[in-house]
Amino acid sequence: MPKYIVLVGDGMADYPLETLGMRTPLEAARTPNMDFIAQNGILGQAKTIPPKMTPASDVANLSILGYDPKIYYSGRGPLEAANLGIELEDDDVAFRCNLVTVSGDILLDYSAGHIKTNEAEKLIKFINQKLGSNKLRFFPGISYRHLLLVKRGAELKLENLKCQAPHDVSGQSISKNMPRGANADLIIQLMQDSRELLNNHEINQIRLDLKENPGNMIWLWGQGKKPSMPQFREKFGLNGSVISAVDLIKGLGRILGLEVINVPGATGYYDTDYEGKAQAAVKSLAKKDFVFVHVEAPDEAGHNGDLREKLTAIERFDQHVVGSLLKYCQNKADCRILVLPDHATPVALKTHTAEAVPFAIFGKDIVAKNFLNYSEKEAKKSDLFFEEGYKLLEYFILGRLN
C-alpha cells in the first residue's frame, strides 16, 4: 500500500528581511532536506486561505487536509473541544480561551509567558469555580490554550460575534479589541470579571515575583458550533494519523476519524521533541497509509517577532522531522512526502498573512523539475499553483505528478 506523509512547519513562510540580506528565513536557514525534496521533486504554491477568510491555522490546516474551508469551517473552538473529548450539542458554542497578560488597557502577551500547563490548569479551574455555571463551563488545555463551552449559546447568536485573536492584537488596546456584535456584552463581562479574579491569584503573584508574565485575564475568541465533515477515509480511501502538540490540530484529526498520536515531549513551543514526532510518524506508518505531522514552533517564533528562534525552529524541523521521514520514504518503493507551511507568520508583522505558501513533493515516481531549493522565491517560478488550496491533497494522493 502506498504511504503518504504530510509535514507542516506552522508559519514557516515569511517575507524578505534586510537583516538576512533580503532573504526570507526559509532561504537563510540551513534546510538540506527540504532543499533535496525541491531539487528532486516538484515545487509549487497553494492558497490555503480562501478569499475573505481569516488567515488562521484552523482554516489553513483544514485546507491542507483536503477540506474546503468555505464549506466545512465552523470555528476554532469546536475543533479544540473535540480533542478535549467535549461533546457539543447542535446549539452549543465553544470559544477558545487564552490566558493572557494585560496591563492597564494594553494586551501585553497573548500566551502569559507561555505559562506552564500545571499552573494554567489551576487558574482555569479557579475561573470555572468562580464564573462557571450550568450554562458556562471552562476546560483546561495545554499552556495558555483553553476552552469555554456556552450551552445553547447559538440561541444568543454568539457564534456570529466578531472576536479578535489575541496574537493579532498583542501590544494593542484591550478596549478597542473586545468582542463585537449582538450579546457581546456577555462575553466581555466574563473577560473583565476574570481580570479582577486572576490579578490577585497566588500563582500570578509567584510569577510576578519570578519576573514572569502572569496569566491575569482570559481572552475569548475563535468561537463556533459543532462541525460536520465527512471522514478522511471516506474522502480519500486512506487510514491515517495526526501528530501535533496543538489541540486544534488534534481535534481536527479526531473529527476526521484520524488516529491522534500524543508524543510525550511535544510541547507546541520551541522545546518540542522534533525527533520524537518523527519516530512516532514512522511507527504509525507501519500500520497506517497516511500521516500528518504538525510542528508549531516556527509560528510561535513568528508571533514573538523572534528571527533567531524562527531560523532555529525551521532548521530543527528540517533536520529532525523532514530528514527522518525523507530517509524513511527513500527506502520505500511507493511513498510520497508533501512539505509546506500552513500560512506565513512574518516576524516583522507578528501575525498570520493570507498569501500563497510554497509546497514541495517528493517520491520515487516523481520526475524532478530541477528547482534550486525550497523557498518562497523559488516556488514562484513554478507553474503549479492551487488557487483553491484544499485541492492540493487530492493532487498529492491521487494526481499524476509528472
Protein backbone atom coordinates (compact mmCIF):
# COMPACT_ATOMS: atom_id res chain seq x y z
CA MET A 1 0.00 0.00 0.00
CA PRO A 2 1.39 3.48 -0.86
CA LYS A 3 2.45 5.71 2.02
CA TYR A 4 1.62 9.41 2.14
CA ILE A 5 3.39 11.82 4.51
CA VAL A 6 2.38 15.46 5.07
CA LEU A 7 4.80 17.62 7.08
CA VAL A 8 3.61 21.06 8.20
CA GLY A 9 6.00 23.66 9.59
CA ASP A 10 3.42 26.04 11.00
CA GLY A 11 4.04 29.64 9.91
CA MET A 12 7.41 28.89 8.22
CA ALA A 13 6.77 31.19 5.27
CA ASP A 14 7.83 34.81 5.68
CA TYR A 15 8.97 38.00 3.92
CA PRO A 16 12.50 39.05 2.82
CA LEU A 17 14.34 40.78 5.66
CA GLU A 18 17.14 43.34 5.48
CA THR A 19 18.95 41.62 8.33
CA LEU A 20 19.09 38.47 6.16
CA GLY A 21 20.29 40.28 3.03
CA MET A 22 16.71 40.46 1.70
CA ARG A 23 16.26 36.73 2.09
CA THR A 24 13.39 35.06 3.92
CA PRO A 25 14.02 32.80 6.93
CA LEU A 26 13.37 29.79 4.67
CA GLU A 27 16.10 31.00 2.30
CA ALA A 28 18.54 31.84 5.08
CA ALA A 29 18.06 28.73 7.23
CA ARG A 30 20.08 25.58 6.58
CA THR A 31 17.46 23.19 5.17
CA PRO A 32 19.24 20.44 3.18
CA ASN A 33 16.32 18.01 3.41
CA MET A 34 13.61 20.38 2.20
CA ASP A 35 16.02 21.57 -0.49
CA PHE A 36 16.57 17.94 -1.55
CA ILE A 37 12.82 17.45 -1.88
CA ALA A 38 12.53 20.58 -4.04
CA GLN A 39 15.54 19.63 -6.18
CA ASN A 40 14.45 16.03 -6.67
CA GLY A 41 10.70 16.53 -6.77
CA ILE A 42 8.25 19.25 -7.65
CA LEU A 43 7.61 22.69 -6.21
CA GLY A 44 4.54 24.91 -6.30
CA GLN A 45 2.26 27.26 -4.42
CA ALA A 46 -1.12 26.84 -2.74
CA LYS A 47 -3.63 29.34 -1.36
CA THR A 48 -4.60 27.71 1.91
CA ILE A 49 -6.69 30.72 2.95
CA PRO A 50 -9.77 31.35 0.78
CA PRO A 51 -10.63 34.97 -0.08
CA LYS A 52 -12.29 36.96 2.74
CA MET A 53 -11.45 34.30 5.34
CA THR A 54 -9.15 34.98 8.30
CA PRO A 55 -5.61 33.63 7.79
CA ALA A 56 -5.80 31.34 10.82
CA SER A 57 -4.29 27.92 11.44
CA ASP A 58 -7.69 26.24 11.66
CA VAL A 59 -8.67 27.48 8.19
CA ALA A 60 -5.26 26.69 6.70
CA ASN A 61 -4.90 23.18 8.10
CA LEU A 62 -8.44 22.33 7.07
CA SER A 63 -7.32 23.22 3.53
CA ILE A 64 -4.14 21.17 3.80
CA LEU A 65 -6.16 18.13 4.89
CA GLY A 66 -8.25 18.45 1.74
CA TYR A 67 -11.44 20.09 3.06
CA ASP A 68 -12.83 23.29 1.61
CA PRO A 69 -12.98 25.83 4.49
CA LYS A 70 -15.78 27.72 2.76
CA ILE A 71 -17.95 24.63 3.26
CA TYR A 72 -16.64 22.96 6.41
CA TYR A 73 -15.16 25.68 8.62
CA SER A 74 -17.14 26.18 11.84
CA GLY A 75 -14.66 27.90 14.15
CA ARG A 76 -11.57 27.01 16.15
CA GLY A 77 -13.27 26.36 19.48
CA PRO A 78 -15.26 23.30 18.35
CA LEU A 79 -12.11 21.68 16.91
CA GLU A 80 -10.27 22.09 20.19
CA ALA A 81 -13.32 20.83 22.07
CA ALA A 82 -13.17 17.62 20.04
CA ASN A 83 -9.64 16.94 21.23
CA LEU A 84 -10.61 17.55 24.84
CA GLY A 85 -13.42 14.99 24.46
CA ILE A 86 -16.14 17.60 24.91
CA GLU A 87 -19.38 16.66 23.18
CA LEU A 88 -21.18 19.65 21.69
CA GLU A 89 -24.92 19.78 21.18
CA ASP A 90 -26.11 21.38 17.96
CA ASP A 91 -26.86 24.71 19.64
CA ASP A 92 -23.75 24.89 21.87
CA VAL A 93 -20.97 27.37 21.14
CA ALA A 94 -17.32 26.70 22.04
CA PHE A 95 -14.79 29.53 22.49
CA ARG A 96 -11.02 29.30 22.55
CA CYS A 97 -9.91 30.74 25.88
CA ASN A 98 -6.38 32.14 26.14
CA LEU A 99 -4.68 33.05 29.39
CA VAL A 100 -3.10 36.41 28.57
CA THR A 101 -1.08 39.11 30.29
CA VAL A 102 -2.59 42.59 30.44
CA SER A 103 -1.55 45.90 31.97
CA GLY A 104 -3.81 48.91 32.02
CA ASP A 105 -5.58 48.93 28.65
CA ILE A 106 -2.82 47.02 26.86
CA LEU A 107 -2.69 43.31 26.00
CA LEU A 108 0.99 42.60 26.64
CA ASP A 109 1.30 38.87 25.95
CA TYR A 110 -1.13 36.51 24.19
CA SER A 111 0.38 33.48 25.99
CA ALA A 112 1.02 34.70 29.57
CA GLY A 113 4.70 33.99 29.08
CA HIS A 114 3.87 30.55 27.66
CA ILE A 115 2.62 29.66 31.10
CA LYS A 116 3.24 26.11 32.29
CA THR A 117 0.32 23.72 31.91
CA ASN A 118 0.14 22.81 35.60
CA GLU A 119 -0.08 26.49 36.58
CA ALA A 120 -2.61 27.29 33.86
CA GLU A 121 -4.80 24.35 34.86
CA LYS A 122 -5.16 25.73 38.38
CA LEU A 123 -6.07 29.18 37.06
CA ILE A 124 -8.70 27.84 34.65
CA LYS A 125 -10.24 25.60 37.30
CA PHE A 126 -10.36 28.64 39.59
CA ILE A 127 -12.13 30.66 36.89
CA ASN A 128 -14.59 27.82 36.31
CA GLN A 129 -15.32 27.72 40.03
CA LYS A 130 -15.96 31.46 40.15
CA LEU A 131 -17.56 32.15 36.75
CA GLY A 132 -18.81 28.77 35.60
CA SER A 133 -22.42 27.64 35.78
CA ASN A 134 -24.76 25.09 34.26
CA LYS A 135 -24.56 27.16 31.05
CA LEU A 136 -20.89 28.17 31.18
CA ARG A 137 -18.01 25.75 31.69
CA PHE A 138 -14.26 26.34 31.37
CA PHE A 139 -11.99 23.44 30.42
CA PRO A 140 -8.19 23.46 30.92
CA GLY A 141 -5.98 22.61 27.94
CA ILE A 142 -2.24 22.98 27.40
CA SER A 143 -0.14 26.00 28.42
CA TYR A 144 -2.12 29.15 27.57
CA ARG A 145 -4.70 27.38 25.34
CA HIS A 146 -8.06 26.55 26.99
CA LEU A 147 -11.78 26.36 26.22
CA LEU A 148 -15.12 27.85 27.21
CA LEU A 149 -18.34 25.95 26.42
CA VAL A 150 -21.54 28.01 26.32
CA LYS A 151 -24.56 25.74 26.47
CA ARG A 152 -27.23 26.82 23.97
CA GLY A 153 -25.02 29.74 23.01
CA ALA A 154 -26.33 29.63 19.46
CA GLU A 155 -29.70 30.90 20.76
CA LEU A 156 -27.85 34.14 21.52
CA LYS A 157 -26.05 34.07 18.14
CA LEU A 158 -22.70 34.03 19.94
CA GLU A 159 -21.12 32.17 17.03
CA ASN A 160 -21.59 35.36 14.97
CA LEU A 161 -19.57 37.65 17.25
CA LYS A 162 -16.55 39.43 15.83
CA CYS A 163 -13.70 38.36 18.12
CA GLN A 164 -10.02 39.20 17.77
CA ALA A 165 -7.29 36.57 18.10
CA PRO A 166 -5.03 37.76 20.95
CA HIS A 167 -1.83 37.09 18.98
CA ASP A 168 -3.11 39.57 16.40
CA VAL A 169 -3.56 42.39 18.90
CA SER A 170 -0.59 41.99 21.25
CA GLY A 171 0.64 45.41 22.32
CA GLN A 172 -2.70 46.99 21.40
CA SER A 173 -5.66 48.41 23.30
CA ILE A 174 -7.87 45.91 25.09
CA SER A 175 -10.98 48.09 24.99
CA LYS A 176 -10.67 48.65 21.24
CA ASN A 177 -10.40 44.91 20.54
CA MET A 178 -13.19 43.49 22.65
CA PRO A 179 -15.82 41.21 21.00
CA ARG A 180 -18.44 42.99 18.92
CA GLY A 181 -21.96 42.03 17.92
CA ALA A 182 -25.30 41.02 19.43
CA ASN A 183 -24.91 39.86 23.06
CA ALA A 184 -21.16 40.59 23.03
CA ASP A 185 -21.62 42.17 26.46
CA LEU A 186 -21.98 38.67 27.98
CA ILE A 187 -18.55 37.61 26.74
CA ILE A 188 -16.95 40.97 27.52
CA GLN A 189 -18.21 40.73 31.10
CA LEU A 190 -16.62 37.30 31.53
CA MET A 191 -13.28 38.64 30.29
CA GLN A 192 -13.47 41.66 32.59
CA ASP A 193 -14.53 39.62 35.61
CA SER A 194 -11.67 37.19 35.04
CA ARG A 195 -9.17 40.02 35.27
CA GLU A 196 -10.37 41.03 38.70
CA LEU A 197 -10.26 37.41 39.89
CA LEU A 198 -6.90 36.45 38.41
CA ASN A 199 -4.88 39.53 39.28
CA ASN A 200 -4.54 38.51 42.92
CA HIS A 201 -4.29 34.73 42.47
CA GLU A 202 -1.27 33.28 44.26
CA ILE A 203 0.09 31.67 41.08
CA ASN A 204 0.23 35.05 39.38
CA GLN A 205 1.84 36.63 42.43
CA ILE A 206 4.57 33.99 42.26
CA ARG A 207 5.01 34.55 38.53
CA LEU A 208 5.40 38.28 39.12
CA ASP A 209 7.98 37.64 41.85
CA LEU A 210 9.90 35.50 39.34
CA LYS A 211 9.56 38.29 36.72
CA GLU A 212 7.37 36.05 34.57
CA ASN A 213 4.26 37.29 32.78
CA PRO A 214 1.14 36.46 34.80
CA GLY A 215 -2.00 34.90 33.35
CA ASN A 216 -4.12 37.74 34.68
CA MET A 217 -7.02 37.69 32.21
CA ILE A 218 -8.86 35.31 29.91
CA TRP A 219 -9.31 36.21 26.24
CA LEU A 220 -12.26 34.61 24.42
CA TRP A 221 -12.23 34.14 20.64
CA GLY A 222 -12.35 31.53 17.84
CA GLN A 223 -15.93 30.55 18.67
CA GLY A 224 -18.11 28.20 16.68
CA LYS A 225 -20.73 25.47 16.61
CA LYS A 226 -20.42 21.71 16.19
CA PRO A 227 -18.80 20.88 12.81
CA SER A 228 -19.98 18.27 10.33
CA MET A 229 -17.43 16.80 7.92
CA PRO A 230 -17.02 13.52 6.01
CA GLN A 231 -14.44 11.12 7.41
CA PHE A 232 -10.95 11.23 5.90
CA ARG A 233 -11.14 7.56 4.95
CA GLU A 234 -14.42 8.12 3.11
CA LYS A 235 -12.96 11.05 1.20
CA PHE A 236 -9.52 9.67 0.31
CA GLY A 237 -9.68 5.91 0.93
CA LEU A 238 -6.81 6.03 3.43
CA ASN A 239 -6.47 5.32 7.12
CA GLY A 240 -4.13 7.71 8.86
CA SER A 241 -2.88 9.54 11.91
CA VAL A 242 -2.17 13.06 13.15
CA ILE A 243 0.81 14.09 15.26
CA SER A 244 0.77 17.52 16.89
CA ALA A 245 1.01 19.23 20.27
CA VAL A 246 -1.83 21.61 19.44
CA ASP A 247 -5.44 20.88 20.46
CA LEU A 248 -6.73 22.49 17.28
CA ILE A 249 -4.86 20.06 15.00
CA LYS A 250 -5.57 17.04 17.16
CA GLY A 251 -9.24 17.94 17.40
CA LEU A 252 -9.46 18.29 13.64
CA GLY A 253 -7.87 14.86 13.32
CA ARG A 254 -10.38 13.30 15.70
CA ILE A 255 -13.33 14.81 13.85
CA LEU A 256 -11.98 13.41 10.56
CA GLY A 257 -11.53 9.93 12.04
CA LEU A 258 -7.72 10.02 12.05
CA GLU A 259 -5.82 8.48 14.93
CA VAL A 260 -4.33 11.15 17.19
CA ILE A 261 -0.86 10.21 18.43
CA ASN A 262 0.38 12.03 21.52
CA VAL A 263 4.16 12.42 21.77
CA PRO A 264 5.22 12.96 25.42
CA GLY A 265 7.83 15.61 24.59
CA ALA A 266 5.65 17.56 22.16
CA THR A 267 5.04 20.99 23.71
CA GLY A 268 3.82 23.24 20.89
CA TYR A 269 6.78 25.55 21.55
CA TYR A 270 10.49 25.92 20.81
CA ASP A 271 11.41 23.00 23.08
CA THR A 272 9.16 20.45 21.37
CA ASP A 273 10.51 16.95 20.72
CA TYR A 274 11.05 17.08 16.95
CA GLU A 275 12.72 13.69 16.79
CA GLY A 276 10.00 12.14 18.93
CA LYS A 277 7.38 13.30 16.46
CA ALA A 278 9.33 11.83 13.54
CA GLN A 279 9.78 8.48 15.30
CA ALA A 280 6.07 8.37 16.12
CA ALA A 281 5.26 9.04 12.46
CA VAL A 282 7.50 6.22 11.23
CA LYS A 283 5.96 3.85 13.77
CA SER A 284 2.46 4.88 12.69
CA LEU A 285 3.24 4.19 9.03
CA ALA A 286 3.82 0.52 9.86
CA LYS A 287 0.02 0.25 10.08
CA LYS A 288 -1.31 3.41 8.50
CA ASP A 289 -1.32 4.71 4.92
CA PHE A 290 -1.19 8.42 5.80
CA VAL A 291 0.44 10.57 8.47
CA PHE A 292 0.12 14.30 9.12
CA VAL A 293 2.89 15.81 11.26
CA HIS A 294 2.45 19.36 12.52
CA VAL A 295 5.15 21.47 14.23
CA GLU A 296 4.09 24.72 15.89
CA ALA A 297 7.47 26.24 16.80
CA PRO A 298 8.12 28.40 13.67
CA ASP A 299 4.70 30.02 14.11
CA GLU A 300 5.35 30.83 17.77
CA ALA A 301 8.66 32.44 16.82
CA GLY A 302 6.90 34.49 14.16
CA HIS A 303 4.29 35.71 16.65
CA ASN A 304 7.07 36.63 19.07
CA GLY A 305 8.95 38.51 16.35
CA ASP A 306 11.97 36.34 17.16
CA LEU A 307 14.00 35.80 13.99
CA ARG A 308 16.71 33.79 15.70
CA GLU A 309 14.22 31.30 17.12
CA LYS A 310 12.37 31.08 13.81
CA LEU A 311 15.56 30.16 11.97
CA THR A 312 16.36 27.58 14.64
CA ALA A 313 12.85 26.11 14.51
CA ILE A 314 12.97 25.79 10.72
CA GLU A 315 16.36 24.10 10.86
CA ARG A 316 15.25 21.66 13.57
CA PHE A 317 12.09 20.87 11.63
CA ASP A 318 14.20 20.18 8.54
CA GLN A 319 16.82 18.09 10.33
CA HIS A 320 14.74 16.01 12.70
CA VAL A 321 11.29 15.79 11.11
CA VAL A 322 11.81 16.18 7.37
CA GLY A 323 15.18 14.43 7.43
CA SER A 324 13.94 11.39 9.33
CA LEU A 325 10.84 10.93 7.19
CA LEU A 326 12.70 11.58 3.95
CA LYS A 327 15.09 8.78 4.88
CA TYR A 328 12.09 6.53 5.57
CA CYS A 329 10.48 7.42 2.25
CA GLN A 330 13.67 6.90 0.23
CA ASN A 331 13.69 3.28 1.38
CA LYS A 332 10.14 2.68 0.14
CA ALA A 333 9.19 1.99 -3.45
CA ASP A 334 5.81 3.66 -3.15
CA CYS A 335 5.95 6.67 -0.84
CA ARG A 336 5.34 10.41 -1.21
CA ILE A 337 6.16 13.39 1.04
CA LEU A 338 4.46 16.77 0.98
CA VAL A 339 6.17 19.62 2.90
CA LEU A 340 4.65 23.06 3.44
CA PRO A 341 3.68 25.74 5.95
CA ASP A 342 0.01 26.26 6.64
CA HIS A 343 0.39 30.03 6.23
CA ALA A 344 3.04 32.72 6.62
CA THR A 345 3.77 34.27 10.02
CA PRO A 346 6.23 37.07 9.20
CA VAL A 347 8.46 38.05 12.12
CA ALA A 348 8.13 41.70 11.09
CA LEU A 349 4.34 41.57 11.47
CA LYS A 350 3.98 39.02 14.30
CA THR A 351 0.75 37.72 12.79
CA HIS A 352 -0.56 35.46 10.04
CA THR A 353 -0.92 36.55 6.42
CA ALA A 354 -3.01 35.07 3.63
CA GLU A 355 -0.74 34.83 0.58
CA ALA A 356 0.01 31.52 -1.14
CA VAL A 357 2.53 29.24 0.58
CA PRO A 358 5.29 27.17 -1.05
CA PHE A 359 4.95 23.39 -1.11
CA ALA A 360 7.29 20.62 -2.24
CA ILE A 361 6.53 16.99 -3.10
CA PHE A 362 8.96 14.09 -3.34
CA GLY A 363 8.53 10.45 -4.31
CA LYS A 364 10.37 7.84 -6.37
CA ASP A 365 7.63 8.04 -9.00
CA ILE A 366 8.16 11.79 -9.47
CA VAL A 367 10.38 13.28 -12.15
CA ALA A 368 12.48 16.15 -10.79
CA LYS A 369 11.76 19.61 -12.16
CA ASN A 370 15.23 20.96 -11.27
CA PHE A 371 14.33 23.63 -8.73
CA LEU A 372 17.23 25.13 -6.78
CA ASN A 373 15.85 24.98 -3.23
CA TYR A 374 12.76 25.09 -1.06
CA SER A 375 11.76 28.73 -0.64
CA GLU A 376 9.02 31.21 -1.37
CA LYS A 377 11.04 32.80 -4.19
CA GLU A 378 11.80 29.51 -5.93
CA ALA A 379 8.21 28.29 -5.61
CA LYS A 380 7.02 31.36 -7.51
CA LYS A 381 8.97 30.11 -10.54
CA SER A 382 6.72 27.04 -10.73
CA ASP A 383 3.65 26.94 -12.93
CA LEU A 384 1.97 24.67 -10.38
CA PHE A 385 -0.46 26.85 -8.41
CA PHE A 386 -3.54 25.84 -6.42
CA GLU A 387 -5.89 28.80 -6.12
CA GLU A 388 -8.10 26.56 -4.00
CA GLY A 389 -5.61 25.08 -1.56
CA TYR A 390 -7.83 22.22 -0.44
CA LYS A 391 -7.33 20.62 -3.85
CA LEU A 392 -3.60 20.12 -3.20
CA LEU A 393 -4.03 17.00 -1.06
CA GLU A 394 -6.14 15.25 -3.68
CA TYR A 395 -3.46 16.08 -6.25
CA PHE A 396 -0.78 14.78 -3.88
CA ILE A 397 -2.60 11.48 -3.25
CA LEU A 398 -4.38 10.80 -6.50
CA GLY A 399 -2.82 13.03 -9.12
CA ARG A 400 -0.25 12.27 -11.78
CA LEU A 401 2.77 14.25 -10.60
CA ASN A 402 4.99 14.13 -13.67
